[in-house]
Amino acid sequence: MEQKTRGGRGFWYIWGSVLIKLGIAYLVYMAAVSLLAGVHLMQMTGGDADAMMQIAQSTAQSGKLYDQITNELMNWAVYIEGVAALITIPVMLFLFHRDSRKEKELGIVTEKASIWKYIAIIVMFAVMALGLNNLIFLSNLSAASETYSDTMQTLYGQGFAVQVLVLGILMPTCEELVYRGLVYKRLRYTSPFWAAALYSSLVFAFTHGNLVQGLYGFIMGMMFCYVYEKYGSVKAPILAHITANILSVVGTQFQWFDWLFKDPMRVGISTVLCAFIASSIYVMIQRLNTDTTKNNSQNEG
């Protein structure tokens, strides 16, 4: 394993999954642009090839067409993200299972937590997500980031079922396979926990594209790495990420956050309660003895 993480080949081994994910997202985006451009051109010209060519050669008309496509893409952003995730997940699963097979060949076995202990993850990350949202509100960071506000309007502007499926399930699963299942896990082969968690979480935060989501992503990314370490399975950070995202979707849909933020006292009390509950569960998870990687050959000796 260590030989694969050195030199130029090592860069691709560690970060290749991120580049693949971004590449797939870009290709899906460009396919959507091409499709929308074709639809608009057909509507504007009735399918006349000469008219299409004139629009393409006209700076004013092509600029107008570009603006139309850009505005319409905002309405389709969640669907584009969903398609990209659907394509990316099987690729990442293939890479992840290939790594798992290599571990078995080397005799590496990681202890895994019992299924019932995953309940702690649901509770912990639900209150963590709520608490961090409260802190973002109290710090007024969201008001200082126009990009964040635009992103939230785009993501939460679709139907509830689409939000749950894409934002609550597909995107978290895709991101955890990339940033924890592959990047963090491969860094962890030759690095201590904090170094692997820090590097993977920083890249995870950077890809969110704005300060608020980046800060939120970094904190949550570190915790996703932590539960992966303690539970010994990528199912743990996937469940944690899904829990956090679904809470945000449901809270936004049913205006829980609006109700909470109307009264600073409510925000303060709920934040303190969230911190208490999350820290209590953290202590419980800390006692899990699942982060020890064993070598079968050592067990046999």
C-alpha atoms as a PDB file:
ATOM      1  CA  MET A   1       0.000   0.000   0.000  1.00  0.00           C
ATOM      2  CA  GLU A   2       2.732   2.448   0.951  1.00  0.00           C
ATOM      3  CA  GLN A   3       4.463   2.142  -2.420  1.00  0.00           C
ATOM      4  CA  LYS A   4       1.330   3.402  -4.153  1.00  0.00           C
ATOM      5  CA  THR A   5       1.289   6.635  -2.192  1.00  0.00           C
ATOM      6  CA  ARG A   6       4.676   7.967  -3.327  1.00  0.00           C
ATOM      7  CA  GLY A   7       5.651  10.320  -6.130  1.00  0.00           C
ATOM      8  CA  GLY A   8       3.439  11.428  -8.995  1.00  0.00           C
ATOM      9  CA  ARG A   9       1.559   8.163  -9.011  1.00  0.00           C
ATOM     10  CA  GLY A  10       0.721   8.825  -5.379  1.00  0.00           C
ATOM     11  CA  PHE A  11      -1.085  12.069  -6.232  1.00  0.00           C
ATOM     12  CA  TRP A  12      -3.494  10.278  -8.550  1.00  0.00           C
ATOM     13  CA  TYR A  13      -3.923   7.422  -6.079  1.00  0.00           C
ATOM     14  CA  ILE A  14      -4.971   9.824  -3.303  1.00  0.00           C
ATOM     15  CA  TRP A  15      -6.772  12.585  -5.186  1.00  0.00           C
ATOM     16  CA  GLY A  16      -7.836  10.853  -8.402  1.00  0.00           C
ATOM     17  CA  SER A  17     -11.323  10.129  -7.072  1.00  0.00           C
ATOM     18  CA  VAL A  18     -11.894  13.853  -6.462  1.00  0.00           C
ATOM     19  CA  LEU A  19     -10.782  14.686 -10.001  1.00  0.00           C
ATOM     20  CA  ILE A  20     -13.011  11.947 -11.417  1.00  0.00           C
ATOM     21  CA  LYS A  21     -15.991  13.294  -9.454  1.00  0.00           C
ATOM     22  CA  LEU A  22     -15.352  16.858 -10.644  1.00  0.00           C
ATOM     23  CA  GLY A  23     -14.820  15.641 -14.202  1.00  0.00           C
ATOM     24  CA  ILE A  24     -18.121  13.762 -14.247  1.00  0.00           C
ATOM     25  CA  ALA A  25     -19.915  16.787 -12.788  1.00  0.00           C
ATOM     26  CA  TYR A  26     -18.401  19.006 -15.486  1.00  0.00           C
ATOM     27  CA  LEU A  27     -19.376  16.643 -18.301  1.00  0.00           C
ATOM     28  CA  VAL A  28     -22.946  16.383 -17.001  1.00  0.00           C
ATOM     29  CA  TYR A  29     -23.121  20.166 -16.736  1.00  0.00           C
ATOM     30  CA  MET A  30     -21.851  20.627 -20.300  1.00  0.00           C
ATOM     31  CA  ALA A  31     -24.321  18.021 -21.551  1.00  0.00           C
ATOM     32  CA  ALA A  32     -27.121  20.004 -19.880  1.00  0.00           C
ATOM     33  CA  VAL A  33     -25.838  23.219 -21.471  1.00  0.00           C
ATOM     34  CA  SER A  34     -25.743  21.588 -24.907  1.00  0.00           C
ATOM     35  CA  LEU A  35     -29.221  20.138 -24.484  1.00  0.00           C
ATOM     36  CA  LEU A  36     -30.722  23.455 -23.395  1.00  0.00           C
ATOM     37  CA  ALA A  37     -28.903  25.303 -26.173  1.00  0.00           C
ATOM     38  CA  GLY A  38     -30.326  22.876 -28.717  1.00  0.00           C
ATOM     39  CA  VAL A  39     -33.862  23.253 -27.348  1.00  0.00           C
ATOM     40  CA  HIS A  40     -33.671  27.059 -27.390  1.00  0.00           C
ATOM     41  CA  LEU A  41     -32.204  27.130 -30.892  1.00  0.00           C
ATOM     42  CA  MET A  42     -34.982  24.880 -32.152  1.00  0.00           C
ATOM     43  CA  GLN A  43     -37.581  27.139 -30.561  1.00  0.00           C
ATOM     44  CA  MET A  44     -35.982  30.302 -31.961  1.00  0.00           C
ATOM     45  CA  THR A  45     -35.421  29.046 -35.503  1.00  0.00           C
ATOM     46  CA  GLY A  46     -37.901  26.232 -36.013  1.00  0.00           C
ATOM     47  CA  GLY A  47     -35.031  23.929 -36.853  1.00  0.00           C
ATOM     48  CA  ASP A  48     -33.690  26.028 -39.740  1.00  0.00           C
ATOM     49  CA  ALA A  49     -29.952  25.280 -39.992  1.00  0.00           C
ATOM     50  CA  ASP A  50     -29.061  28.627 -41.608  1.00  0.00           C
ATOM     51  CA  ALA A  51     -30.892  30.553 -38.892  1.00  0.00           C
ATOM     52  CA  MET A  52     -29.053  28.556 -36.239  1.00  0.00           C
ATOM     53  CA  MET A  53     -25.735  29.421 -37.848  1.00  0.00           C
ATOM     54  CA  GLN A  54     -26.627  33.127 -37.930  1.00  0.00           C
ATOM     55  CA  ILE A  55     -27.470  33.105 -34.215  1.00  0.00           C
ATOM     56  CA  ALA A  56     -24.216  31.323 -33.421  1.00  0.00           C
ATOM     57  CA  GLN A  57     -22.244  33.919 -35.413  1.00  0.00           C
ATOM     58  CA  SER A  58     -24.076  36.918 -33.945  1.00  0.00           C
ATOM     59  CA  THR A  59     -22.457  38.167 -30.723  1.00  0.00           C
ATOM     60  CA  ALA A  60     -25.653  39.830 -29.495  1.00  0.00           C
ATOM     61  CA  GLN A  61     -27.904  36.850 -30.218  1.00  0.00           C
ATOM     62  CA  SER A  62     -25.463  34.271 -28.892  1.00  0.00           C
ATOM     63  CA  GLY A  63     -25.045  36.402 -25.739  1.00  0.00           C
ATOM     64  CA  LYS A  64     -28.816  36.507 -25.264  1.00  0.00           C
ATOM     65  CA  LEU A  65     -28.996  32.755 -25.755  1.00  0.00           C
ATOM     66  CA  TYR A  66     -26.214  32.279 -23.197  1.00  0.00           C
ATOM     67  CA  ASP A  67     -28.111  34.372 -20.630  1.00  0.00           C
ATOM     68  CA  GLN A  68     -31.274  32.350 -21.197  1.00  0.00           C
ATOM     69  CA  ILE A  69     -29.433  29.067 -20.742  1.00  0.00           C
ATOM     70  CA  THR A  70     -27.620  30.298 -17.623  1.00  0.00           C
ATOM     71  CA  ASN A  71     -30.873  31.391 -15.978  1.00  0.00           C
ATOM     72  CA  GLU A  72     -32.600  28.143 -16.862  1.00  0.00           C
ATOM     73  CA  LEU A  73     -29.701  26.055 -15.589  1.00  0.00           C
ATOM     74  CA  MET A  74     -30.310  27.486 -12.125  1.00  0.00           C
ATOM     75  CA  ASN A  75     -33.711  25.802 -12.164  1.00  0.00           C
ATOM     76  CA  TRP A  76     -32.153  22.498 -13.162  1.00  0.00           C
ATOM     77  CA  ALA A  77     -29.120  22.637 -10.848  1.00  0.00           C
ATOM     78  CA  VAL A  78     -30.411  20.043  -8.378  1.00  0.00           C
ATOM     79  CA  TYR A  79     -31.329  17.637 -11.174  1.00  0.00           C
ATOM     80  CA  ILE A  80     -27.882  18.076 -12.731  1.00  0.00           C
ATOM     81  CA  GLU A  81     -26.278  17.347  -9.362  1.00  0.00           C
ATOM     82  CA  GLY A  82     -28.470  14.271  -9.007  1.00  0.00           C
ATOM     83  CA  VAL A  83     -27.515  12.886 -12.423  1.00  0.00           C
ATOM     84  CA  ALA A  84     -23.822  13.519 -11.736  1.00  0.00           C
ATOM     85  CA  ALA A  85     -24.104  11.709  -8.389  1.00  0.00           C
ATOM     86  CA  LEU A  86     -25.913   8.757  -9.981  1.00  0.00           C
ATOM     87  CA  ILE A  87     -23.076   8.372 -12.483  1.00  0.00           C
ATOM     88  CA  THR A  88     -20.315   8.929  -9.927  1.00  0.00           C
ATOM     89  CA  ILE A  89     -21.544   6.553  -7.200  1.00  0.00           C
ATOM     90  CA  PRO A  90     -21.006   3.296  -9.182  1.00  0.00           C
ATOM     91  CA  VAL A  91     -17.510   4.447 -10.197  1.00  0.00           C
ATOM     92  CA  MET A  92     -16.575   5.215  -6.592  1.00  0.00           C
ATOM     93  CA  LEU A  93     -18.079   1.964  -5.366  1.00  0.00           C
ATOM     94  CA  PHE A  94     -15.901   0.078  -7.853  1.00  0.00           C
ATOM     95  CA  LEU A  95     -12.761   1.851  -6.598  1.00  0.00           C
ATOM     96  CA  PHE A  96     -13.784   1.421  -2.969  1.00  0.00           C
ATOM     97  CA  HIS A  97     -14.421  -2.319  -3.297  1.00  0.00           C
ATOM     98  CA  ARG A  98     -11.152  -2.717  -5.197  1.00  0.00           C
ATOM     99  CA  ASP A  99      -9.338  -1.165  -2.232  1.00  0.00           C
ATOM    100  CA  SER A 100     -11.237  -3.467   0.127  1.00  0.00           C
ATOM    101  CA  ARG A 101     -10.164  -6.526  -1.852  1.00  0.00           C
ATOM    102  CA  LYS A 102      -6.535  -5.416  -1.663  1.00  0.00           C
ATOM    103  CA  GLU A 103      -6.860  -5.005   2.098  1.00  0.00           C
ATOM    104  CA  LYS A 104      -8.153  -8.554   2.416  1.00  0.00           C
ATOM    105  CA  GLU A 105      -5.297  -9.843   0.277  1.00  0.00           C
ATOM    106  CA  LEU A 106      -2.855  -8.128   2.646  1.00  0.00           C
ATOM    107  CA  GLY A 107      -4.626  -9.614   5.648  1.00  0.00           C
ATOM    108  CA  ILE A 108      -5.943  -6.282   6.944  1.00  0.00           C
ATOM    109  CA  VAL A 109      -9.182  -6.529   8.918  1.00  0.00           C
ATOM    110  CA  THR A 110     -10.978  -3.544  10.468  1.00  0.00           C
ATOM    111  CA  GLU A 111     -13.357  -4.087  13.360  1.00  0.00           C
ATOM    112  CA  LYS A 112     -16.852  -2.750  12.754  1.00  0.00           C
ATOM    113  CA  ALA A 113     -19.412  -1.440  15.226  1.00  0.00           C
ATOM    114  CA  SER A 114     -22.708  -3.219  15.831  1.00  0.00           C
ATOM    115  CA  ILE A 115     -25.686  -2.069  13.775  1.00  0.00           C
ATOM    116  CA  TRP A 116     -27.627  -0.807  16.801  1.00  0.00           C
ATOM    117  CA  LYS A 117     -24.823   1.632  17.632  1.00  0.00           C
ATOM    118  CA  TYR A 118     -25.581   3.524  14.420  1.00  0.00           C
ATOM    119  CA  ILE A 119     -28.563   5.091  16.210  1.00  0.00           C
ATOM    120  CA  ALA A 120     -26.050   7.280  18.031  1.00  0.00           C
ATOM    121  CA  ILE A 121     -24.862   8.662  14.678  1.00  0.00           C
ATOM    122  CA  ILE A 122     -28.383   9.702  13.657  1.00  0.00           C
ATOM    123  CA  VAL A 123     -28.974  11.577  16.919  1.00  0.00           C
ATOM    124  CA  MET A 124     -25.498  13.104  17.077  1.00  0.00           C
ATOM    125  CA  PHE A 125     -25.430  14.481  13.540  1.00  0.00           C
ATOM    126  CA  ALA A 126     -29.015  15.693  13.637  1.00  0.00           C
ATOM    127  CA  VAL A 127     -28.235  17.891  16.642  1.00  0.00           C
ATOM    128  CA  MET A 128     -24.837  18.846  15.228  1.00  0.00           C
ATOM    129  CA  ALA A 129     -26.398  20.023  11.976  1.00  0.00           C
ATOM    130  CA  LEU A 130     -28.997  22.028  13.885  1.00  0.00           C
ATOM    131  CA  GLY A 131     -26.394  23.493  16.227  1.00  0.00           C
ATOM    132  CA  LEU A 132     -24.079  24.539  13.387  1.00  0.00           C
ATOM    133  CA  ASN A 133     -26.972  26.123  11.494  1.00  0.00           C
ATOM    134  CA  ASN A 134     -27.770  28.089  14.643  1.00  0.00           C
ATOM    135  CA  LEU A 135     -24.172  29.253  14.985  1.00  0.00           C
ATOM    136  CA  ILE A 136     -24.099  30.355  11.345  1.00  0.00           C
ATOM    137  CA  PHE A 137     -27.244  32.389  11.987  1.00  0.00           C
ATOM    138  CA  LEU A 138     -25.888  33.919  15.186  1.00  0.00           C
ATOM    139  CA  SER A 139     -22.563  34.799  13.533  1.00  0.00           C
ATOM    140  CA  ASN A 140     -24.389  36.453  10.592  1.00  0.00           C
ATOM    141  CA  LEU A 141     -21.993  34.726   8.183  1.00  0.00           C
ATOM    142  CA  SER A 142     -24.806  33.807   5.828  1.00  0.00           C
ATOM    143  CA  ALA A 143     -25.757  37.466   5.367  1.00  0.00           C
ATOM    144  CA  ALA A 144     -22.165  38.310   4.451  1.00  0.00           C
ATOM    145  CA  SER A 145     -22.006  35.705   1.681  1.00  0.00           C
ATOM    146  CA  GLU A 146     -24.103  36.462  -1.390  1.00  0.00           C
ATOM    147  CA  THR A 147     -22.897  33.249  -3.025  1.00  0.00           C
ATOM    148  CA  TYR A 148     -24.190  31.215  -0.079  1.00  0.00           C
ATOM    149  CA  SER A 149     -27.629  32.859  -0.271  1.00  0.00           C
ATOM    150  CA  ASP A 150     -27.863  32.230  -4.019  1.00  0.00           C
ATOM    151  CA  THR A 151     -26.777  28.621  -3.570  1.00  0.00           C
ATOM    152  CA  MET A 152     -29.378  27.983  -0.876  1.00  0.00           C
ATOM    153  CA  GLN A 153     -32.152  29.451  -3.019  1.00  0.00           C
ATOM    154  CA  THR A 154     -31.103  27.254  -5.939  1.00  0.00           C
ATOM    155  CA  LEU A 155     -30.775  24.036  -3.942  1.00  0.00           C
ATOM    156  CA  TYR A 156     -33.956  24.450  -1.910  1.00  0.00           C
ATOM    157  CA  GLY A 157     -36.056  25.782  -4.751  1.00  0.00           C
ATOM    158  CA  GLN A 158     -37.102  22.376  -6.088  1.00  0.00           C
ATOM    159  CA  GLY A 159     -39.836  19.991  -4.953  1.00  0.00           C
ATOM    160  CA  PHE A 160     -39.528  18.365  -1.541  1.00  0.00           C
ATOM    161  CA  ALA A 161     -39.201  14.815  -2.910  1.00  0.00           C
ATOM    162  CA  VAL A 162     -36.405  15.895  -5.282  1.00  0.00           C
ATOM    163  CA  GLN A 163     -34.584  17.612  -2.428  1.00  0.00           C
ATOM    164  CA  VAL A 164     -34.789  14.522  -0.210  1.00  0.00           C
ATOM    165  CA  LEU A 165     -33.597  12.220  -2.992  1.00  0.00           C
ATOM    166  CA  VAL A 166     -30.784  14.398  -4.381  1.00  0.00           C
ATOM    167  CA  LEU A 167     -29.657  16.590  -1.481  1.00  0.00           C
ATOM    168  CA  GLY A 168     -30.561  14.123   1.251  1.00  0.00           C
ATOM    169  CA  ILE A 169     -29.407  10.798  -0.217  1.00  0.00           C
ATOM    170  CA  LEU A 170     -27.556  10.842  -3.554  1.00  0.00           C
ATOM    171  CA  MET A 171     -25.147  13.726  -2.943  1.00  0.00           C
ATOM    172  CA  PRO A 172     -24.149  12.659   0.611  1.00  0.00           C
ATOM    173  CA  THR A 173     -23.570   9.079  -0.525  1.00  0.00           C
ATOM    174  CA  CYS A 174     -21.471  10.240  -3.467  1.00  0.00           C
ATOM    175  CA  GLU A 175     -19.399  12.684  -1.407  1.00  0.00           C
ATOM    176  CA  GLU A 176     -18.726  10.202   1.393  1.00  0.00           C
ATOM    177  CA  LEU A 177     -17.539   7.533  -1.012  1.00  0.00           C
ATOM    178  CA  VAL A 178     -15.133  10.086  -2.507  1.00  0.00           C
ATOM    179  CA  TYR A 179     -13.859  12.087   0.467  1.00  0.00           C
ATOM    180  CA  ARG A 180     -14.015   9.493   3.235  1.00  0.00           C
ATOM    181  CA  GLY A 181     -14.265   6.104   1.511  1.00  0.00           C
ATOM    182  CA  LEU A 182     -11.373   6.806  -0.866  1.00  0.00           C
ATOM    183  CA  VAL A 183      -9.426  10.003  -0.057  1.00  0.00           C
ATOM    184  CA  TYR A 184      -9.429   9.748   3.747  1.00  0.00           C
ATOM    185  CA  LYS A 185      -9.037   5.982   3.766  1.00  0.00           C
ATOM    186  CA  ARG A 186      -6.069   6.048   1.374  1.00  0.00           C
ATOM    187  CA  LEU A 187      -4.408   8.881   3.305  1.00  0.00           C
ATOM    188  CA  ARG A 188      -4.965   6.890   6.481  1.00  0.00           C
ATOM    189  CA  TYR A 189      -2.823   3.994   5.228  1.00  0.00           C
ATOM    190  CA  THR A 190       0.338   6.032   5.751  1.00  0.00           C
ATOM    191  CA  SER A 191      -0.799   9.015   7.882  1.00  0.00           C
ATOM    192  CA  PRO A 192      -2.095   9.524  11.430  1.00  0.00           C
ATOM    193  CA  PHE A 193      -5.801  10.180  11.881  1.00  0.00           C
ATOM    194  CA  TRP A 194      -5.578  13.952  12.295  1.00  0.00           C
ATOM    195  CA  ALA A 195      -3.454  14.465   9.181  1.00  0.00           C
ATOM    196  CA  ALA A 196      -5.703  12.293   6.993  1.00  0.00           C
ATOM    197  CA  ALA A 197      -8.855  13.901   8.391  1.00  0.00           C
ATOM    198  CA  LEU A 198      -7.464  17.432   7.996  1.00  0.00           C
ATOM    199  CA  TYR A 199      -6.344  17.057   4.372  1.00  0.00           C
ATOM    200  CA  SER A 200      -9.513  15.307   3.203  1.00  0.00           C
ATOM    201  CA  SER A 201     -11.768  17.761   5.060  1.00  0.00           C
ATOM    202  CA  LEU A 202      -9.963  20.822   3.698  1.00  0.00           C
ATOM    203  CA  VAL A 203     -10.459  19.625   0.115  1.00  0.00           C
ATOM    204  CA  PHE A 204     -14.062  18.696   0.903  1.00  0.00           C
ATOM    205  CA  ALA A 205     -14.643  22.211   2.280  1.00  0.00           C
ATOM    206  CA  PHE A 206     -12.934  23.907  -0.670  1.00  0.00           C
ATOM    207  CA  THR A 207     -15.176  22.186  -3.227  1.00  0.00           C
ATOM    208  CA  HIS A 208     -18.271  23.762  -1.652  1.00  0.00           C
ATOM    209  CA  GLY A 209     -17.358  27.094  -3.251  1.00  0.00           C
ATOM    210  CA  ASN A 210     -18.293  29.615  -0.558  1.00  0.00           C
ATOM    211  CA  LEU A 211     -17.178  30.558   2.953  1.00  0.00           C
ATOM    212  CA  VAL A 212     -20.275  29.479   4.862  1.00  0.00           C
ATOM    213  CA  GLN A 213     -20.650  26.043   3.266  1.00  0.00           C
ATOM    214  CA  GLY A 214     -16.876  25.624   3.308  1.00  0.00           C
ATOM    215  CA  LEU A 215     -16.646  26.223   7.055  1.00  0.00           C
ATOM    216  CA  TYR A 216     -19.667  24.000   7.703  1.00  0.00           C
ATOM    217  CA  GLY A 217     -18.237  21.327   5.397  1.00  0.00           C
ATOM    218  CA  PHE A 218     -14.840  21.380   7.100  1.00  0.00           C
ATOM    219  CA  ILE A 219     -16.273  20.895  10.601  1.00  0.00           C
ATOM    220  CA  MET A 220     -18.670  18.185   9.487  1.00  0.00           C
ATOM    221  CA  GLY A 221     -15.967  16.594   7.337  1.00  0.00           C
ATOM    222  CA  MET A 222     -13.714  16.187  10.368  1.00  0.00           C
ATOM    223  CA  MET A 223     -16.572  14.533  12.251  1.00  0.00           C
ATOM    224  CA  PHE A 224     -17.386  12.274   9.297  1.00  0.00           C
ATOM    225  CA  CYS A 225     -13.771  11.098   9.386  1.00  0.00           C
ATOM    226  CA  TYR A 226     -14.070  10.542  13.112  1.00  0.00           C
ATOM    227  CA  VAL A 227     -17.105   8.260  12.907  1.00  0.00           C
ATOM    228  CA  TYR A 228     -15.497   6.401  10.006  1.00  0.00           C
ATOM    229  CA  GLU A 229     -12.497   5.802  12.223  1.00  0.00           C
ATOM    230  CA  LYS A 230     -14.567   4.673  15.191  1.00  0.00           C
ATOM    231  CA  TYR A 231     -17.169   2.587  13.385  1.00  0.00           C
ATOM    232  CA  GLY A 232     -14.784   1.018  10.876  1.00  0.00           C
ATOM    233  CA  SER A 233     -17.233   1.289   7.978  1.00  0.00           C
ATOM    234  CA  VAL A 234     -17.996   3.893   5.315  1.00  0.00           C
ATOM    235  CA  LYS A 235     -21.663   3.348   6.165  1.00  0.00           C
ATOM    236  CA  ALA A 236     -21.099   5.465   9.276  1.00  0.00           C
ATOM    237  CA  PRO A 237     -20.138   8.742   7.548  1.00  0.00           C
ATOM    238  CA  ILE A 238     -22.711   8.108   4.809  1.00  0.00           C
ATOM    239  CA  LEU A 239     -25.464   7.787   7.430  1.00  0.00           C
ATOM    240  CA  ALA A 240     -24.125  10.830   9.292  1.00  0.00           C
ATOM    241  CA  HIS A 241     -24.072  12.962   6.132  1.00  0.00           C
ATOM    242  CA  ILE A 242     -27.536  11.827   5.054  1.00  0.00           C
ATOM    243  CA  THR A 243     -28.890  12.639   8.527  1.00  0.00           C
ATOM    244  CA  ALA A 244     -27.432  16.152   8.491  1.00  0.00           C
ATOM    245  CA  ASN A 245     -28.648  16.916   4.972  1.00  0.00           C
ATOM    246  CA  ILE A 246     -32.154  15.552   5.465  1.00  0.00           C
ATOM    247  CA  LEU A 247     -32.496  17.600   8.637  1.00  0.00           C
ATOM    248  CA  SER A 248     -31.607  20.714   6.629  1.00  0.00           C
ATOM    249  CA  VAL A 249     -34.067  19.802   3.864  1.00  0.00           C
ATOM    250  CA  VAL A 250     -36.922  19.015   6.256  1.00  0.00           C
ATOM    251  CA  GLY A 251     -36.172  21.999   8.493  1.00  0.00           C
ATOM    252  CA  THR A 252     -36.220  24.339   5.502  1.00  0.00           C
ATOM    253  CA  GLN A 253     -39.318  22.770   3.937  1.00  0.00           C
ATOM    254  CA  PHE A 254     -41.412  22.984   7.111  1.00  0.00           C
ATOM    255  CA  GLN A 255     -39.901  26.332   8.182  1.00  0.00           C
ATOM    256  CA  TRP A 256     -38.455  25.027  11.448  1.00  0.00           C
ATOM    257  CA  PHE A 257     -35.459  27.315  11.092  1.00  0.00           C
ATOM    258  CA  ASP A 258     -37.648  30.350  10.396  1.00  0.00           C
ATOM    259  CA  TRP A 259     -39.608  29.665  13.582  1.00  0.00           C
ATOM    260  CA  LEU A 260     -36.417  29.107  15.558  1.00  0.00           C
ATOM    261  CA  PHE A 261     -34.633  32.216  14.307  1.00  0.00           C
ATOM    262  CA  LYS A 262     -37.535  34.541  15.099  1.00  0.00           C
ATOM    263  CA  ASP A 263     -36.510  34.445  18.750  1.00  0.00           C
ATOM    264  CA  PRO A 264     -32.809  34.713  19.721  1.00  0.00           C
ATOM    265  CA  MET A 265     -33.641  32.962  23.005  1.00  0.00           C
ATOM    266  CA  ARG A 266     -34.889  29.914  21.116  1.00  0.00           C
ATOM    267  CA  VAL A 267     -31.703  29.824  19.063  1.00  0.00           C
ATOM    268  CA  GLY A 268     -29.514  30.156  22.146  1.00  0.00           C
ATOM    269  CA  ILE A 269     -31.296  27.461  24.147  1.00  0.00           C
ATOM    270  CA  SER A 270     -31.457  25.024  21.232  1.00  0.00           C
ATOM    271  CA  THR A 271     -27.761  25.573  20.474  1.00  0.00           C
ATOM    272  CA  VAL A 272     -26.770  24.815  24.075  1.00  0.00           C
ATOM    273  CA  LEU A 273     -28.971  21.699  24.076  1.00  0.00           C
ATOM    274  CA  CYS A 274     -27.482  20.565  20.764  1.00  0.00           C
ATOM    275  CA  ALA A 275     -23.960  21.008  22.120  1.00  0.00           C
ATOM    276  CA  PHE A 276     -24.805  19.044  25.262  1.00  0.00           C
ATOM    277  CA  ILE A 277     -26.459  16.156  23.404  1.00  0.00           C
ATOM    278  CA  ALA A 278     -23.765  15.978  20.710  1.00  0.00           C
ATOM    279  CA  SER A 279     -20.922  16.032  23.259  1.00  0.00           C
ATOM    280  CA  SER A 280     -22.615  13.335  25.353  1.00  0.00           C
ATOM    281  CA  ILE A 281     -22.976  11.044  22.343  1.00  0.00           C
ATOM    282  CA  TYR A 282     -19.406  11.877  21.299  1.00  0.00           C
ATOM    283  CA  VAL A 283     -18.179  10.569  24.658  1.00  0.00           C
ATOM    284  CA  MET A 284     -20.194   7.397  24.153  1.00  0.00           C
ATOM    285  CA  ILE A 285     -18.824   6.893  20.636  1.00  0.00           C
ATOM    286  CA  GLN A 286     -15.314   7.575  21.924  1.00  0.00           C
ATOM    287  CA  ARG A 287     -15.588   4.415  24.001  1.00  0.00           C
ATOM    288  CA  LEU A 288     -16.208   2.263  20.939  1.00  0.00           C
ATOM    289  CA  ASN A 289     -13.270  -0.048  20.425  1.00  0.00           C
ATOM    290  CA  THR A 290     -13.564  -0.252  16.645  1.00  0.00           C
ATOM    291  CA  ASP A 291     -10.671   1.825  15.369  1.00  0.00           C
ATOM    292  CA  THR A 292      -8.014  -0.850  15.713  1.00  0.00           C
ATOM    293  CA  THR A 293      -6.842  -2.340  12.444  1.00  0.00           C
ATOM    294  CA  LYS A 294      -5.605  -5.882  12.838  1.00  0.00           C
ATOM    295  CA  ASN A 295      -3.464  -8.040  10.661  1.00  0.00           C
ATOM    296  CA  ASN A 296      -4.614 -11.614  10.246  1.00  0.00           C
ATOM    297  CA  SER A 297      -1.079 -12.890  10.130  1.00  0.00           C
ATOM    298  CA  GLN A 298      -0.414 -11.325  13.538  1.00  0.00           C
ATOM    299  CA  ASN A 299      -3.576 -12.875  14.951  1.00  0.00           C
ATOM    300  CA  GLU A 300      -2.458 -16.277  13.751  1.00  0.00           C
ATOM    301  CA  GLY A 301       0.992 -15.906  15.302  1.00  0.00           C
END
